[in-house]
Amino acid sequence: MSGSRDDPAAFLERFRSYLHLLARLQIGDHLRGELDPSDVVQQTLLRAVRSLDQFRGQTDAERSAWLRQILANTLANAVRDLGRAKRDVGLARSLEAALDDSSAKLEQFLAADDSSPSEKAAHNERLLALSAALEALPEPMREALVLRHCQGWELARIGERLGRSRAAVASLLRRGLEQLRNQLRELE
């Protein structure tokens, strides 16, 4: 594993793309102009570094769950600070559930069979690699893939969002999946 508890920032940095993707999925259109996923992730990682001594897990799956919880709290605080909601424990729990759902959709995208601890560790590595590979794609391609495969949008709706035809969206998806596969193969 890159990074260690001796260097908390490096220990958690490998989760940045994963958290960024989850934050993008949770920040709705109505908040996009007011909340930047990169800022939310940075705040999440800062909170995680400060509370790293409280983390009791051993695996990357446990780290991911812990970071998702911190991300949910960070998002809830950001929404509250924007004046969109009162201090609401239910909001943090709702965001945590939504983040877990988004994470599950990412895992379904990889479609792995996690029957042994080593397979679970390998699966988590693939999940982190997928998040990083998605981050590396051009914005329209990444947006089309996330909307289609993580949020289940139809081509026409994605086209409206991106200002493109259905054929152009289909092409973005095809090329994006091809680039993702190539990037993931290079990492193997």
C-alpha atoms as a PDB file:
ATOM      1  CA  MET A   1       0.000   0.000   0.000  1.00  0.00           C
ATOM      2  CA  SER A   2       1.322   3.422  -0.853  1.00  0.00           C
ATOM      3  CA  GLY A   3       1.482   5.756   2.099  1.00  0.00           C
ATOM      4  CA  SER A   4       1.457   4.724   5.711  1.00  0.00           C
ATOM      5  CA  ARG A   5       0.254   5.904   9.072  1.00  0.00           C
ATOM      6  CA  ASP A   6       3.657   7.600   9.406  1.00  0.00           C
ATOM      7  CA  ASP A   7       2.590   9.925   6.583  1.00  0.00           C
ATOM      8  CA  PRO A   8      -1.179  10.443   7.050  1.00  0.00           C
ATOM      9  CA  ALA A   9      -1.603  12.571   3.929  1.00  0.00           C
ATOM     10  CA  ALA A  10      -0.028   9.912   1.694  1.00  0.00           C
ATOM     11  CA  PHE A  11      -1.947   7.209   3.559  1.00  0.00           C
ATOM     12  CA  LEU A  12      -5.259   8.832   2.581  1.00  0.00           C
ATOM     13  CA  GLU A  13      -4.318  10.495  -0.719  1.00  0.00           C
ATOM     14  CA  ARG A  14      -4.971   7.342  -2.721  1.00  0.00           C
ATOM     15  CA  PHE A  15      -8.682   7.716  -1.882  1.00  0.00           C
ATOM     16  CA  ARG A  16      -8.955  11.262  -3.311  1.00  0.00           C
ATOM     17  CA  SER A  17     -10.319  10.294  -6.751  1.00  0.00           C
ATOM     18  CA  TYR A  18     -12.784   7.859  -5.193  1.00  0.00           C
ATOM     19  CA  LEU A  19     -14.073  10.502  -2.766  1.00  0.00           C
ATOM     20  CA  HIS A  20     -14.205  13.117  -5.530  1.00  0.00           C
ATOM     21  CA  LEU A  21     -16.359  10.854  -7.662  1.00  0.00           C
ATOM     22  CA  LEU A  22     -18.715  10.155  -4.749  1.00  0.00           C
ATOM     23  CA  ALA A  23     -18.933  13.863  -3.906  1.00  0.00           C
ATOM     24  CA  ARG A  24     -19.762  14.709  -7.527  1.00  0.00           C
ATOM     25  CA  LEU A  25     -22.523  12.120  -7.473  1.00  0.00           C
ATOM     26  CA  GLN A  26     -24.055  13.607  -4.321  1.00  0.00           C
ATOM     27  CA  ILE A  27     -23.826  17.304  -5.114  1.00  0.00           C
ATOM     28  CA  GLY A  28     -27.010  17.839  -7.075  1.00  0.00           C
ATOM     29  CA  ASP A  29     -27.551  20.300  -9.877  1.00  0.00           C
ATOM     30  CA  HIS A  30     -29.098  22.800  -7.471  1.00  0.00           C
ATOM     31  CA  LEU A  31     -25.847  22.939  -5.446  1.00  0.00           C
ATOM     32  CA  ARG A  32     -23.269  22.629  -8.237  1.00  0.00           C
ATOM     33  CA  GLY A  33     -22.669  26.363  -8.437  1.00  0.00           C
ATOM     34  CA  GLU A  34     -22.258  26.667  -4.687  1.00  0.00           C
ATOM     35  CA  LEU A  35     -20.339  23.532  -3.688  1.00  0.00           C
ATOM     36  CA  ASP A  36     -17.163  22.350  -5.350  1.00  0.00           C
ATOM     37  CA  PRO A  37     -16.544  18.585  -5.007  1.00  0.00           C
ATOM     38  CA  SER A  38     -12.781  19.203  -4.836  1.00  0.00           C
ATOM     39  CA  ASP A  39     -13.215  21.526  -1.842  1.00  0.00           C
ATOM     40  CA  VAL A  40     -15.492  19.032  -0.103  1.00  0.00           C
ATOM     41  CA  VAL A  41     -12.973  16.229  -0.656  1.00  0.00           C
ATOM     42  CA  GLN A  42     -10.096  18.376   0.573  1.00  0.00           C
ATOM     43  CA  GLN A  43     -12.041  19.170   3.737  1.00  0.00           C
ATOM     44  CA  THR A  44     -12.893  15.475   4.139  1.00  0.00           C
ATOM     45  CA  LEU A  45      -9.243  14.446   3.870  1.00  0.00           C
ATOM     46  CA  LEU A  46      -8.190  17.151   6.335  1.00  0.00           C
ATOM     47  CA  ARG A  47     -10.761  15.877   8.834  1.00  0.00           C
ATOM     48  CA  ALA A  48      -9.604  12.317   8.237  1.00  0.00           C
ATOM     49  CA  VAL A  49      -5.957  13.225   8.864  1.00  0.00           C
ATOM     50  CA  ARG A  50      -6.953  14.953  12.107  1.00  0.00           C
ATOM     51  CA  SER A  51      -8.901  11.918  13.292  1.00  0.00           C
ATOM     52  CA  LEU A  52      -6.676   9.175  11.873  1.00  0.00           C
ATOM     53  CA  ASP A  53      -5.807   8.024  15.383  1.00  0.00           C
ATOM     54  CA  GLN A  54      -9.498   7.130  15.844  1.00  0.00           C
ATOM     55  CA  PHE A  55      -9.571   4.802  12.846  1.00  0.00           C
ATOM     56  CA  ARG A  56      -9.578   1.189  14.039  1.00  0.00           C
ATOM     57  CA  GLY A  57      -9.910  -0.686  10.758  1.00  0.00           C
ATOM     58  CA  GLN A  58      -7.244  -2.592   8.886  1.00  0.00           C
ATOM     59  CA  THR A  59      -8.479  -2.972   5.311  1.00  0.00           C
ATOM     60  CA  ASP A  60      -9.024  -0.574   2.451  1.00  0.00           C
ATOM     61  CA  ALA A  61     -12.721  -1.484   2.515  1.00  0.00           C
ATOM     62  CA  GLU A  62     -12.869  -0.308   6.132  1.00  0.00           C
ATOM     63  CA  ARG A  63     -10.926   2.841   5.216  1.00  0.00           C
ATOM     64  CA  SER A  64     -13.350   3.503   2.360  1.00  0.00           C
ATOM     65  CA  ALA A  65     -16.366   3.143   4.663  1.00  0.00           C
ATOM     66  CA  TRP A  66     -14.751   5.411   7.268  1.00  0.00           C
ATOM     67  CA  LEU A  67     -13.938   8.046   4.637  1.00  0.00           C
ATOM     68  CA  ARG A  68     -17.466   7.838   3.178  1.00  0.00           C
ATOM     69  CA  GLN A  69     -18.837   8.583   6.644  1.00  0.00           C
ATOM     70  CA  ILE A  70     -16.547  11.608   7.000  1.00  0.00           C
ATOM     71  CA  LEU A  71     -17.524  12.725   3.480  1.00  0.00           C
ATOM     72  CA  ALA A  72     -21.228  12.444   4.366  1.00  0.00           C
ATOM     73  CA  ASN A  73     -20.713  14.582   7.470  1.00  0.00           C
ATOM     74  CA  THR A  74     -18.652  17.102   5.509  1.00  0.00           C
ATOM     75  CA  LEU A  75     -21.346  17.345   2.819  1.00  0.00           C
ATOM     76  CA  ALA A  76     -24.091  17.701   5.438  1.00  0.00           C
ATOM     77  CA  ASN A  77     -22.154  20.509   7.129  1.00  0.00           C
ATOM     78  CA  ALA A  78     -21.543  22.238   3.789  1.00  0.00           C
ATOM     79  CA  VAL A  79     -25.228  22.077   2.883  1.00  0.00           C
ATOM     80  CA  ARG A  80     -26.188  23.378   6.319  1.00  0.00           C
ATOM     81  CA  ASP A  81     -23.657  26.189   6.027  1.00  0.00           C
ATOM     82  CA  LEU A  82     -25.213  27.216   2.731  1.00  0.00           C
ATOM     83  CA  GLY A  83     -28.450  27.718   4.598  1.00  0.00           C
ATOM     84  CA  ARG A  84     -30.228  24.992   2.635  1.00  0.00           C
ATOM     85  CA  ALA A  85     -30.970  22.879   5.722  1.00  0.00           C
ATOM     86  CA  LYS A  86     -30.977  23.216   9.483  1.00  0.00           C
ATOM     87  CA  ARG A  87     -28.598  21.130  11.569  1.00  0.00           C
ATOM     88  CA  ASP A  88     -30.034  17.734  10.892  1.00  0.00           C
ATOM     89  CA  VAL A  89     -28.527  14.408  11.933  1.00  0.00           C
ATOM     90  CA  GLY A  90     -30.945  12.793   9.475  1.00  0.00           C
ATOM     91  CA  LEU A  91     -29.334  14.740   6.626  1.00  0.00           C
ATOM     92  CA  ALA A  92     -25.896  13.320   7.467  1.00  0.00           C
ATOM     93  CA  ARG A  93     -27.368   9.813   7.672  1.00  0.00           C
ATOM     94  CA  SER A  94     -29.250  10.336   4.409  1.00  0.00           C
ATOM     95  CA  LEU A  95     -26.065  11.498   2.686  1.00  0.00           C
ATOM     96  CA  GLU A  96     -24.161   8.567   4.162  1.00  0.00           C
ATOM     97  CA  ALA A  97     -26.770   6.158   2.761  1.00  0.00           C
ATOM     98  CA  ALA A  98     -26.619   7.887  -0.632  1.00  0.00           C
ATOM     99  CA  LEU A  99     -22.820   7.661  -0.627  1.00  0.00           C
ATOM    100  CA  ASP A 100     -23.007   3.972   0.244  1.00  0.00           C
ATOM    101  CA  ASP A 101     -25.458   3.504  -2.643  1.00  0.00           C
ATOM    102  CA  SER A 102     -23.155   5.364  -5.053  1.00  0.00           C
ATOM    103  CA  SER A 103     -20.229   3.292  -3.880  1.00  0.00           C
ATOM    104  CA  ALA A 104     -22.267   0.110  -4.407  1.00  0.00           C
ATOM    105  CA  LYS A 105     -23.065   1.226  -7.965  1.00  0.00           C
ATOM    106  CA  LEU A 106     -19.366   1.753  -8.623  1.00  0.00           C
ATOM    107  CA  GLU A 107     -18.695  -1.724  -7.292  1.00  0.00           C
ATOM    108  CA  GLN A 108     -21.413  -3.158  -9.541  1.00  0.00           C
ATOM    109  CA  PHE A 109     -19.710  -1.397 -12.444  1.00  0.00           C
ATOM    110  CA  LEU A 110     -16.656  -3.532 -11.708  1.00  0.00           C
ATOM    111  CA  ALA A 111     -18.811  -6.660 -11.158  1.00  0.00           C
ATOM    112  CA  ALA A 112     -16.303  -8.564  -9.033  1.00  0.00           C
ATOM    113  CA  ASP A 113     -16.828 -11.717  -6.984  1.00  0.00           C
ATOM    114  CA  ASP A 114     -15.446 -10.958  -3.527  1.00  0.00           C
ATOM    115  CA  SER A 115     -15.335 -14.345  -1.900  1.00  0.00           C
ATOM    116  CA  SER A 116     -11.945 -14.238  -0.176  1.00  0.00           C
ATOM    117  CA  PRO A 117     -10.045 -11.516   1.700  1.00  0.00           C
ATOM    118  CA  SER A 118      -7.436 -11.301  -1.063  1.00  0.00           C
ATOM    119  CA  GLU A 119     -10.184 -10.969  -3.683  1.00  0.00           C
ATOM    120  CA  LYS A 120     -11.831  -8.246  -1.588  1.00  0.00           C
ATOM    121  CA  ALA A 121      -8.525  -6.385  -1.353  1.00  0.00           C
ATOM    122  CA  ALA A 122      -7.989  -6.720  -5.101  1.00  0.00           C
ATOM    123  CA  HIS A 123     -11.540  -5.522  -5.722  1.00  0.00           C
ATOM    124  CA  ASN A 124     -10.977  -2.445  -3.575  1.00  0.00           C
ATOM    125  CA  GLU A 125      -7.771  -1.708  -5.480  1.00  0.00           C
ATOM    126  CA  ARG A 126      -9.759  -1.932  -8.746  1.00  0.00           C
ATOM    127  CA  LEU A 127     -12.383   0.423  -7.300  1.00  0.00           C
ATOM    128  CA  LEU A 128      -9.723   2.995  -6.436  1.00  0.00           C
ATOM    129  CA  ALA A 129      -8.122   2.512  -9.874  1.00  0.00           C
ATOM    130  CA  LEU A 130     -11.500   2.969 -11.568  1.00  0.00           C
ATOM    131  CA  SER A 131     -12.062   6.216  -9.667  1.00  0.00           C
ATOM    132  CA  ALA A 132      -8.625   7.499 -10.682  1.00  0.00           C
ATOM    133  CA  ALA A 133      -9.160   6.432 -14.305  1.00  0.00           C
ATOM    134  CA  LEU A 134     -12.509   8.242 -14.386  1.00  0.00           C
ATOM    135  CA  GLU A 135     -10.861  11.392 -13.006  1.00  0.00           C
ATOM    136  CA  ALA A 136      -8.330  11.277 -15.855  1.00  0.00           C
ATOM    137  CA  LEU A 137     -10.998  11.297 -18.580  1.00  0.00           C
ATOM    138  CA  PRO A 138     -12.069  14.510 -20.315  1.00  0.00           C
ATOM    139  CA  GLU A 139     -14.966  16.150 -18.453  1.00  0.00           C
ATOM    140  CA  PRO A 140     -17.801  15.438 -20.956  1.00  0.00           C
ATOM    141  CA  MET A 141     -16.778  11.791 -21.244  1.00  0.00           C
ATOM    142  CA  ARG A 142     -16.484  11.384 -17.470  1.00  0.00           C
ATOM    143  CA  GLU A 143     -19.821  13.121 -16.924  1.00  0.00           C
ATOM    144  CA  ALA A 144     -21.575  10.897 -19.492  1.00  0.00           C
ATOM    145  CA  LEU A 145     -20.153   7.715 -17.929  1.00  0.00           C
ATOM    146  CA  VAL A 146     -21.042   8.748 -14.395  1.00  0.00           C
ATOM    147  CA  LEU A 147     -24.566   9.798 -15.336  1.00  0.00           C
ATOM    148  CA  ARG A 148     -25.195   6.603 -17.281  1.00  0.00           C
ATOM    149  CA  HIS A 149     -23.479   3.944 -15.172  1.00  0.00           C
ATOM    150  CA  CYS A 150     -23.618   5.431 -11.669  1.00  0.00           C
ATOM    151  CA  GLN A 151     -26.884   7.326 -11.807  1.00  0.00           C
ATOM    152  CA  GLY A 152     -28.744   5.281 -14.430  1.00  0.00           C
ATOM    153  CA  TRP A 153     -29.690   8.172 -16.696  1.00  0.00           C
ATOM    154  CA  GLU A 154     -31.025   7.532 -20.198  1.00  0.00           C
ATOM    155  CA  LEU A 155     -29.089   8.748 -23.255  1.00  0.00           C
ATOM    156  CA  ALA A 156     -31.636  11.455 -24.069  1.00  0.00           C
ATOM    157  CA  ARG A 157     -31.419  12.937 -20.567  1.00  0.00           C
ATOM    158  CA  ILE A 158     -27.619  12.869 -20.636  1.00  0.00           C
ATOM    159  CA  GLY A 159     -27.755  14.568 -24.052  1.00  0.00           C
ATOM    160  CA  GLU A 160     -29.933  17.343 -22.631  1.00  0.00           C
ATOM    161  CA  ARG A 161     -27.546  17.814 -19.711  1.00  0.00           C
ATOM    162  CA  LEU A 162     -24.453  17.923 -21.920  1.00  0.00           C
ATOM    163  CA  GLY A 163     -26.072  19.742 -24.845  1.00  0.00           C
ATOM    164  CA  ARG A 164     -25.365  16.843 -27.222  1.00  0.00           C
ATOM    165  CA  SER A 165     -27.358  14.493 -29.394  1.00  0.00           C
ATOM    166  CA  ARG A 166     -28.122  10.917 -28.331  1.00  0.00           C
ATOM    167  CA  ALA A 167     -25.652   9.686 -30.961  1.00  0.00           C
ATOM    168  CA  ALA A 168     -22.941  11.979 -29.583  1.00  0.00           C
ATOM    169  CA  VAL A 169     -23.641  10.734 -26.046  1.00  0.00           C
ATOM    170  CA  ALA A 170     -23.499   7.116 -27.223  1.00  0.00           C
ATOM    171  CA  SER A 171     -20.152   7.863 -28.852  1.00  0.00           C
ATOM    172  CA  LEU A 172     -18.850   9.521 -25.668  1.00  0.00           C
ATOM    173  CA  LEU A 173     -19.898   6.474 -23.662  1.00  0.00           C
ATOM    174  CA  ARG A 174     -18.320   4.021 -26.088  1.00  0.00           C
ATOM    175  CA  ARG A 175     -15.031   5.935 -26.276  1.00  0.00           C
ATOM    176  CA  GLY A 176     -15.055   6.548 -22.514  1.00  0.00           C
ATOM    177  CA  LEU A 177     -15.509   2.867 -21.706  1.00  0.00           C
ATOM    178  CA  GLU A 178     -12.750   1.994 -24.148  1.00  0.00           C
ATOM    179  CA  GLN A 179     -10.380   4.511 -22.533  1.00  0.00           C
ATOM    180  CA  LEU A 180     -11.296   3.245 -19.061  1.00  0.00           C
ATOM    181  CA  ARG A 181     -10.599  -0.349 -20.052  1.00  0.00           C
ATOM    182  CA  ASN A 182      -7.246   0.638 -21.559  1.00  0.00           C
ATOM    183  CA  GLN A 183      -6.236   2.624 -18.478  1.00  0.00           C
ATOM    184  CA  LEU A 184      -7.258  -0.194 -16.147  1.00  0.00           C
ATOM    185  CA  ARG A 185      -5.376  -2.768 -18.249  1.00  0.00           C
ATOM    186  CA  GLU A 186      -2.239  -0.632 -18.027  1.00  0.00           C
ATOM    187  CA  LEU A 187      -2.514  -0.690 -14.239  1.00  0.00           C
ATOM    188  CA  GLU A 188      -2.702  -4.510 -14.086  1.00  0.00           C
END
